[in-house]
Amino acid sequence: MRLVSLMIVAAIFIIAAMFISTNLLQVVTVEDPDLLIDPQDVRGMVVVHRGVPYTLNFSQQKSMMSMLNQMQEIGEPEEYKSGKALPFDQLIIYHFDTPDDIVRGKGLEGDWNVLTFDTGDYRRFLSNRPRREFMPVLKQAYAP
């Protein structure tokens, strides 16, 4: 009788250990959220201002990637076509293995901007509500 009860306790212990290790494994192997821009894949960035390209330095690139990754994806706002263009022509993000991204933006009524994020044939609209200060970072690249 003691052998049977010992086997039952051992089986319960093994099942509990498997259950706990499976749950811990899920916590340990949680993947990073999908990022709009993978920092490991960015080769460089250029902001085009009045037709002239200006290269962003590493610090500016990190700031831009962080701000773009924090923006929310939205549908195209109705007033987007009539919005005021932001003071840069485009931001080009060069990648190693994937097509380059082109970012353009318009300021809309209120305190927010909408950026178009073009990758090949795919277009996304991003909102920086509440306003993120990405313009000062871009202006550092082309302002004297």
N, C-alpha and C. Protein backbone atom coordinates (compact mmCIF):
# COMPACT_ATOMS: atom_id res chain seq x y z
N MET A 1 0.81 -1.19 0.00
CA MET A 1 0.00 0.00 0.00
C MET A 1 0.86 1.26 0.00
N ARG A 2 1.94 1.20 0.69
CA ARG A 2 2.83 2.36 0.72
C ARG A 2 3.43 2.63 -0.65
N LEU A 3 3.73 1.62 -1.41
CA LEU A 3 4.31 1.79 -2.74
C LEU A 3 3.32 2.49 -3.68
N VAL A 4 2.05 2.14 -3.59
CA VAL A 4 1.03 2.75 -4.43
C VAL A 4 0.88 4.24 -4.08
N SER A 5 0.81 4.56 -2.82
CA SER A 5 0.67 5.96 -2.42
C SER A 5 1.93 6.76 -2.80
N LEU A 6 3.09 6.15 -2.71
CA LEU A 6 4.33 6.82 -3.11
C LEU A 6 4.32 7.09 -4.62
N MET A 7 3.83 6.14 -5.41
CA MET A 7 3.74 6.32 -6.86
C MET A 7 2.76 7.43 -7.22
N ILE A 8 1.64 7.52 -6.48
CA ILE A 8 0.65 8.57 -6.74
C ILE A 8 1.24 9.94 -6.42
N VAL A 9 1.93 10.05 -5.31
CA VAL A 9 2.56 11.33 -4.92
C VAL A 9 3.63 11.71 -5.95
N ALA A 10 4.41 10.75 -6.41
CA ALA A 10 5.44 11.02 -7.41
C ALA A 10 4.81 11.47 -8.73
N ALA A 11 3.72 10.84 -9.14
CA ALA A 11 3.04 11.22 -10.38
C ALA A 11 2.48 12.64 -10.27
N ILE A 12 1.88 12.97 -9.13
CA ILE A 12 1.35 14.32 -8.91
C ILE A 12 2.49 15.34 -8.94
N PHE A 13 3.61 15.00 -8.33
CA PHE A 13 4.76 15.89 -8.31
C PHE A 13 5.29 16.13 -9.73
N ILE A 14 5.40 15.09 -10.54
CA ILE A 14 5.91 15.21 -11.91
C ILE A 14 4.95 16.03 -12.76
N ILE A 15 3.66 15.79 -12.62
CA ILE A 15 2.67 16.56 -13.39
C ILE A 15 2.71 18.03 -12.98
N ALA A 16 2.81 18.31 -11.69
CA ALA A 16 2.89 19.69 -11.21
C ALA A 16 4.16 20.37 -11.71
N ALA A 17 5.28 19.65 -11.70
CA ALA A 17 6.53 20.21 -12.19
C ALA A 17 6.45 20.54 -13.67
N MET A 18 5.83 19.67 -14.45
CA MET A 18 5.66 19.93 -15.89
C MET A 18 4.76 21.14 -16.12
N PHE A 19 3.69 21.25 -15.36
CA PHE A 19 2.77 22.37 -15.49
C PHE A 19 3.46 23.69 -15.15
N ILE A 20 4.19 23.71 -14.05
CA ILE A 20 4.88 24.94 -13.62
C ILE A 20 5.97 25.31 -14.62
N SER A 21 6.75 24.34 -15.09
CA SER A 21 7.82 24.66 -16.04
C SER A 21 7.27 25.16 -17.36
N THR A 22 6.13 24.65 -17.79
CA THR A 22 5.51 25.13 -19.03
C THR A 22 5.07 26.58 -18.88
N ASN A 23 4.47 26.91 -17.75
CA ASN A 23 4.05 28.29 -17.51
C ASN A 23 5.25 29.22 -17.39
N LEU A 24 6.31 28.78 -16.73
CA LEU A 24 7.51 29.61 -16.63
C LEU A 24 8.16 29.78 -17.98
N LEU A 25 8.14 28.76 -18.81
CA LEU A 25 8.74 28.84 -20.13
C LEU A 25 8.02 29.89 -20.98
N GLN A 26 6.71 30.00 -20.83
CA GLN A 26 5.96 31.00 -21.57
C GLN A 26 6.34 32.40 -21.12
N VAL A 27 6.60 32.59 -19.85
CA VAL A 27 6.98 33.89 -19.34
C VAL A 27 8.39 34.25 -19.81
N VAL A 28 9.28 33.29 -19.80
CA VAL A 28 10.66 33.54 -20.17
C VAL A 28 10.80 33.80 -21.67
N THR A 29 10.04 33.11 -22.49
CA THR A 29 10.20 33.22 -23.94
C THR A 29 9.20 34.18 -24.58
N VAL A 30 8.74 35.18 -23.86
CA VAL A 30 7.84 36.16 -24.44
C VAL A 30 8.63 36.97 -25.46
N GLU A 31 8.11 37.07 -26.67
CA GLU A 31 8.79 37.77 -27.73
C GLU A 31 8.55 39.27 -27.62
N ASP A 32 9.48 40.05 -28.16
CA ASP A 32 9.32 41.49 -28.21
C ASP A 32 8.14 41.82 -29.11
N PRO A 33 7.48 42.93 -28.83
CA PRO A 33 6.36 43.30 -29.71
C PRO A 33 6.89 43.64 -31.10
N ASP A 34 6.03 43.47 -32.09
CA ASP A 34 6.42 43.81 -33.45
C ASP A 34 6.67 45.31 -33.54
N LEU A 35 7.84 45.65 -34.02
CA LEU A 35 8.21 47.04 -34.16
C LEU A 35 8.00 47.48 -35.60
N LEU A 36 7.62 48.72 -35.77
CA LEU A 36 7.47 49.27 -37.11
C LEU A 36 8.84 49.31 -37.79
N ILE A 37 9.85 49.71 -37.03
CA ILE A 37 11.22 49.76 -37.54
C ILE A 37 12.10 48.95 -36.62
N ASP A 38 12.73 47.92 -37.15
CA ASP A 38 13.64 47.09 -36.38
C ASP A 38 15.01 47.79 -36.35
N PRO A 39 15.50 48.20 -35.19
CA PRO A 39 16.78 48.91 -35.12
C PRO A 39 17.95 48.11 -35.70
N GLN A 40 17.87 46.79 -35.66
CA GLN A 40 18.95 45.97 -36.19
C GLN A 40 18.99 45.96 -37.71
N ASP A 41 17.90 46.41 -38.36
CA ASP A 41 17.80 46.35 -39.81
C ASP A 41 18.04 47.70 -40.48
N VAL A 42 18.21 48.76 -39.69
CA VAL A 42 18.36 50.10 -40.26
C VAL A 42 19.82 50.35 -40.63
N ARG A 43 20.03 50.72 -41.88
CA ARG A 43 21.38 51.01 -42.39
C ARG A 43 21.69 52.49 -42.28
N GLY A 44 20.66 53.33 -42.35
CA GLY A 44 20.86 54.77 -42.26
C GLY A 44 19.57 55.50 -42.52
N MET A 45 19.58 56.81 -42.23
CA MET A 45 18.40 57.65 -42.47
C MET A 45 18.84 58.97 -43.10
N VAL A 46 17.97 59.46 -43.97
CA VAL A 46 18.21 60.74 -44.63
C VAL A 46 16.92 61.53 -44.58
N VAL A 47 17.01 62.80 -44.20
CA VAL A 47 15.86 63.69 -44.27
C VAL A 47 16.09 64.59 -45.48
N VAL A 48 15.06 64.70 -46.32
CA VAL A 48 15.14 65.54 -47.51
C VAL A 48 14.39 66.83 -47.20
N HIS A 49 15.13 67.95 -47.26
CA HIS A 49 14.56 69.26 -46.97
C HIS A 49 14.82 70.16 -48.17
N ARG A 50 13.75 70.63 -48.82
CA ARG A 50 13.84 71.47 -50.02
C ARG A 50 14.68 70.80 -51.10
N GLY A 51 14.50 69.50 -51.25
CA GLY A 51 15.17 68.75 -52.30
C GLY A 51 16.60 68.34 -51.99
N VAL A 52 17.13 68.73 -50.84
CA VAL A 52 18.51 68.41 -50.49
C VAL A 52 18.50 67.35 -49.39
N PRO A 53 19.20 66.21 -49.59
CA PRO A 53 19.24 65.17 -48.55
C PRO A 53 20.27 65.49 -47.47
N TYR A 54 19.88 65.26 -46.22
CA TYR A 54 20.76 65.45 -45.06
C TYR A 54 20.77 64.14 -44.27
N THR A 55 21.96 63.63 -43.98
CA THR A 55 22.09 62.38 -43.25
C THR A 55 21.92 62.62 -41.76
N LEU A 56 21.16 61.75 -41.10
CA LEU A 56 21.00 61.82 -39.65
C LEU A 56 22.15 61.06 -38.99
N ASN A 57 22.65 61.60 -37.88
CA ASN A 57 23.70 60.88 -37.16
C ASN A 57 23.06 59.75 -36.34
N PHE A 58 23.90 58.95 -35.69
CA PHE A 58 23.40 57.76 -34.99
C PHE A 58 22.41 58.12 -33.88
N SER A 59 22.70 59.16 -33.13
CA SER A 59 21.81 59.58 -32.04
C SER A 59 20.45 60.02 -32.59
N GLN A 60 20.47 60.78 -33.68
CA GLN A 60 19.22 61.22 -34.30
C GLN A 60 18.44 60.03 -34.85
N GLN A 61 19.15 59.06 -35.43
CA GLN A 61 18.48 57.86 -35.95
C GLN A 61 17.80 57.08 -34.82
N LYS A 62 18.49 56.92 -33.69
CA LYS A 62 17.89 56.21 -32.55
C LYS A 62 16.65 56.93 -32.07
N SER A 63 16.72 58.25 -31.97
CA SER A 63 15.55 59.03 -31.52
C SER A 63 14.39 58.87 -32.48
N MET A 64 14.67 58.94 -33.79
CA MET A 64 13.60 58.81 -34.78
C MET A 64 12.97 57.43 -34.74
N MET A 65 13.79 56.38 -34.63
CA MET A 65 13.24 55.03 -34.57
C MET A 65 12.36 54.87 -33.34
N SER A 66 12.81 55.39 -32.22
CA SER A 66 12.03 55.29 -30.98
C SER A 66 10.69 56.00 -31.14
N MET A 67 10.71 57.22 -31.67
CA MET A 67 9.47 57.98 -31.82
C MET A 67 8.53 57.33 -32.83
N LEU A 68 9.06 56.86 -33.95
CA LEU A 68 8.20 56.21 -34.95
C LEU A 68 7.61 54.91 -34.42
N ASN A 69 8.39 54.16 -33.65
CA ASN A 69 7.88 52.90 -33.09
C ASN A 69 6.80 53.15 -32.03
N GLN A 70 6.79 54.32 -31.41
CA GLN A 70 5.80 54.64 -30.39
C GLN A 70 4.52 55.22 -30.97
N MET A 71 4.54 55.61 -32.24
CA MET A 71 3.35 56.19 -32.85
C MET A 71 2.29 55.13 -33.09
N GLN A 72 1.05 55.58 -33.11
CA GLN A 72 -0.08 54.67 -33.30
C GLN A 72 -0.48 54.65 -34.77
N GLU A 73 -0.79 53.45 -35.26
CA GLU A 73 -1.28 53.32 -36.63
C GLU A 73 -2.76 53.65 -36.65
N ILE A 74 -3.16 54.48 -37.60
CA ILE A 74 -4.55 54.92 -37.73
C ILE A 74 -4.98 54.74 -39.18
N GLY A 75 -6.26 54.90 -39.42
CA GLY A 75 -6.76 54.95 -40.79
C GLY A 75 -6.51 56.34 -41.36
N GLU A 76 -6.65 56.49 -42.66
CA GLU A 76 -6.40 57.78 -43.28
C GLU A 76 -7.48 58.78 -42.84
N PRO A 77 -7.07 59.87 -42.20
CA PRO A 77 -8.07 60.87 -41.79
C PRO A 77 -8.65 61.59 -43.01
N GLU A 78 -9.89 62.01 -42.92
CA GLU A 78 -10.55 62.68 -44.03
C GLU A 78 -9.85 63.97 -44.40
N GLU A 79 -9.33 64.69 -43.41
CA GLU A 79 -8.72 65.99 -43.66
C GLU A 79 -7.24 65.88 -44.03
N TYR A 80 -6.74 64.65 -44.28
CA TYR A 80 -5.31 64.48 -44.55
C TYR A 80 -4.88 65.19 -45.84
N LYS A 81 -5.66 65.08 -46.89
CA LYS A 81 -5.27 65.67 -48.17
C LYS A 81 -5.19 67.19 -48.09
N SER A 82 -5.98 67.80 -47.24
CA SER A 82 -5.99 69.27 -47.13
C SER A 82 -5.07 69.77 -46.01
N GLY A 83 -4.36 68.87 -45.35
CA GLY A 83 -3.49 69.28 -44.25
C GLY A 83 -2.28 70.04 -44.73
N LYS A 84 -1.66 70.77 -43.80
CA LYS A 84 -0.46 71.56 -44.10
C LYS A 84 0.76 70.65 -44.07
N ALA A 85 1.58 70.69 -45.10
CA ALA A 85 2.77 69.85 -45.17
C ALA A 85 3.75 70.22 -44.06
N LEU A 86 4.39 69.21 -43.49
CA LEU A 86 5.40 69.45 -42.47
C LEU A 86 6.66 70.00 -43.15
N PRO A 87 7.53 70.67 -42.39
CA PRO A 87 8.67 71.35 -43.02
C PRO A 87 9.82 70.44 -43.45
N PHE A 88 9.51 69.26 -43.96
CA PHE A 88 10.51 68.42 -44.60
C PHE A 88 9.81 67.68 -45.74
N ASP A 89 10.57 67.37 -46.78
CA ASP A 89 9.98 66.70 -47.94
C ASP A 89 9.68 65.24 -47.62
N GLN A 90 10.69 64.55 -47.14
CA GLN A 90 10.52 63.14 -46.79
C GLN A 90 11.67 62.69 -45.91
N LEU A 91 11.42 61.63 -45.18
CA LEU A 91 12.44 60.96 -44.38
C LEU A 91 12.60 59.58 -45.00
N ILE A 92 13.81 59.25 -45.43
CA ILE A 92 14.07 57.95 -46.06
C ILE A 92 14.84 57.10 -45.07
N ILE A 93 14.31 55.90 -44.81
CA ILE A 93 14.95 54.96 -43.89
C ILE A 93 15.49 53.81 -44.73
N TYR A 94 16.82 53.70 -44.78
CA TYR A 94 17.46 52.66 -45.57
C TYR A 94 17.63 51.41 -44.73
N HIS A 95 17.27 50.25 -45.31
CA HIS A 95 17.38 48.97 -44.63
C HIS A 95 18.42 48.10 -45.32
N PHE A 96 18.88 47.08 -44.62
CA PHE A 96 19.83 46.13 -45.20
C PHE A 96 19.14 45.17 -46.16
N ASP A 97 18.08 44.50 -45.70
CA ASP A 97 17.49 43.40 -46.47
C ASP A 97 16.08 43.66 -46.97
N THR A 98 15.46 44.73 -46.55
CA THR A 98 14.07 44.98 -46.94
C THR A 98 14.01 46.30 -47.71
N PRO A 99 12.90 46.57 -48.39
CA PRO A 99 12.79 47.83 -49.14
C PRO A 99 12.88 49.04 -48.20
N ASP A 100 13.36 50.13 -48.74
CA ASP A 100 13.49 51.36 -47.96
C ASP A 100 12.10 51.91 -47.62
N ASP A 101 12.03 52.58 -46.48
CA ASP A 101 10.78 53.22 -46.05
C ASP A 101 10.86 54.70 -46.35
N ILE A 102 9.74 55.28 -46.76
CA ILE A 102 9.67 56.71 -47.02
C ILE A 102 8.56 57.27 -46.14
N VAL A 103 8.91 58.28 -45.34
CA VAL A 103 7.97 58.89 -44.41
C VAL A 103 7.73 60.33 -44.86
N ARG A 104 6.46 60.67 -45.00
CA ARG A 104 6.04 62.04 -45.31
C ARG A 104 5.00 62.42 -44.27
N GLY A 105 4.80 63.70 -44.07
CA GLY A 105 3.85 64.08 -43.04
C GLY A 105 3.08 65.33 -43.35
N LYS A 106 1.95 65.45 -42.66
CA LYS A 106 1.12 66.65 -42.74
C LYS A 106 0.63 66.99 -41.35
N GLY A 107 0.58 68.28 -41.08
CA GLY A 107 0.00 68.75 -39.83
C GLY A 107 -1.48 68.97 -40.02
N LEU A 108 -2.25 68.48 -39.09
CA LEU A 108 -3.70 68.64 -39.18
C LEU A 108 -4.18 69.60 -38.11
N GLU A 109 -5.44 69.91 -38.15
CA GLU A 109 -6.01 70.81 -37.15
C GLU A 109 -5.79 70.24 -35.75
N GLY A 110 -5.57 71.09 -34.83
CA GLY A 110 -5.31 70.63 -33.47
C GLY A 110 -3.82 70.46 -33.25
N ASP A 111 -3.49 69.69 -32.28
CA ASP A 111 -2.10 69.55 -31.86
C ASP A 111 -1.52 68.20 -32.25
N TRP A 112 -1.71 67.79 -33.51
CA TRP A 112 -1.17 66.50 -33.91
C TRP A 112 -0.84 66.47 -35.39
N ASN A 113 0.04 65.59 -35.72
CA ASN A 113 0.50 65.39 -37.09
C ASN A 113 0.18 63.97 -37.51
N VAL A 114 0.07 63.76 -38.81
CA VAL A 114 -0.11 62.42 -39.36
C VAL A 114 1.02 62.18 -40.35
N LEU A 115 1.66 61.03 -40.22
CA LEU A 115 2.74 60.66 -41.13
C LEU A 115 2.28 59.51 -42.01
N THR A 116 2.65 59.55 -43.28
CA THR A 116 2.46 58.39 -44.14
C THR A 116 3.76 57.61 -44.12
N PHE A 117 3.66 56.34 -43.97
CA PHE A 117 4.81 55.45 -43.87
C PHE A 117 4.71 54.47 -45.02
N ASP A 118 5.48 54.71 -46.09
CA ASP A 118 5.41 53.90 -47.31
C ASP A 118 6.55 52.90 -47.34
N THR A 119 6.20 51.63 -47.52
CA THR A 119 7.18 50.57 -47.73
C THR A 119 6.76 49.83 -48.99
N GLY A 120 7.44 50.11 -50.08
CA GLY A 120 7.05 49.48 -51.33
C GLY A 120 5.63 49.88 -51.71
N ASP A 121 4.76 48.91 -51.86
CA ASP A 121 3.37 49.17 -52.23
C ASP A 121 2.46 49.33 -51.02
N TYR A 122 3.00 49.20 -49.83
CA TYR A 122 2.19 49.23 -48.62
C TYR A 122 2.29 50.59 -47.94
N ARG A 123 1.15 51.18 -47.58
CA ARG A 123 1.13 52.50 -46.94
C ARG A 123 0.39 52.41 -45.61
N ARG A 124 1.00 53.02 -44.60
CA ARG A 124 0.38 53.13 -43.27
C ARG A 124 0.29 54.60 -42.91
N PHE A 125 -0.68 54.90 -42.07
CA PHE A 125 -0.81 56.24 -41.53
C PHE A 125 -0.53 56.16 -40.04
N LEU A 126 0.37 57.04 -39.58
CA LEU A 126 0.77 57.05 -38.17
C LEU A 126 0.39 58.38 -37.55
N SER A 127 -0.04 58.31 -36.31
CA SER A 127 -0.41 59.51 -35.57
C SER A 127 0.51 59.66 -34.37
N ASN A 128 0.91 60.88 -34.12
CA ASN A 128 1.71 61.14 -32.93
C ASN A 128 0.88 61.92 -31.92
N ARG A 129 -0.25 61.41 -31.61
CA ARG A 129 -1.13 62.03 -30.62
C ARG A 129 -0.90 61.36 -29.29
N PRO A 130 -0.50 61.95 -28.22
CA PRO A 130 -0.16 63.36 -28.13
C PRO A 130 1.14 63.65 -28.88
N ARG A 131 1.29 64.89 -29.26
CA ARG A 131 2.40 65.27 -30.14
C ARG A 131 3.75 64.86 -29.57
N ARG A 132 4.50 64.14 -30.37
CA ARG A 132 5.88 63.80 -30.04
C ARG A 132 6.77 64.80 -30.77
N GLU A 133 7.82 65.19 -30.16
CA GLU A 133 8.68 66.22 -30.75
C GLU A 133 9.72 65.62 -31.69
N PHE A 134 9.25 65.12 -32.82
CA PHE A 134 10.20 64.57 -33.79
C PHE A 134 10.74 65.64 -34.72
N MET A 135 10.04 66.76 -34.88
CA MET A 135 10.53 67.82 -35.76
C MET A 135 11.84 68.43 -35.27
N PRO A 136 12.03 68.69 -33.97
CA PRO A 136 13.36 69.20 -33.55
C PRO A 136 14.50 68.25 -33.89
N VAL A 137 14.26 66.95 -33.83
CA VAL A 137 15.31 65.99 -34.17
C VAL A 137 15.64 66.08 -35.66
N LEU A 138 14.61 66.18 -36.51
CA LEU A 138 14.87 66.31 -37.94
C LEU A 138 15.53 67.63 -38.28
N LYS A 139 15.11 68.71 -37.61
CA LYS A 139 15.68 70.02 -37.89
C LYS A 139 17.16 70.09 -37.51
N GLN A 140 17.58 69.28 -36.54
CA GLN A 140 19.00 69.24 -36.19
C GLN A 140 19.83 68.76 -37.36
N ALA A 141 19.26 67.94 -38.23
CA ALA A 141 20.01 67.39 -39.36
C ALA A 141 20.21 68.43 -40.48
N TYR A 142 19.21 69.31 -40.69
CA TYR A 142 19.33 70.22 -41.82
C TYR A 142 19.45 71.68 -41.43
N ALA A 143 19.26 72.03 -40.18
CA ALA A 143 19.40 73.42 -39.76
C ALA A 143 20.88 73.75 -39.53
N PRO A 144 21.29 74.98 -39.82
CA PRO A 144 22.71 75.33 -39.61
C PRO A 144 23.11 75.37 -38.15
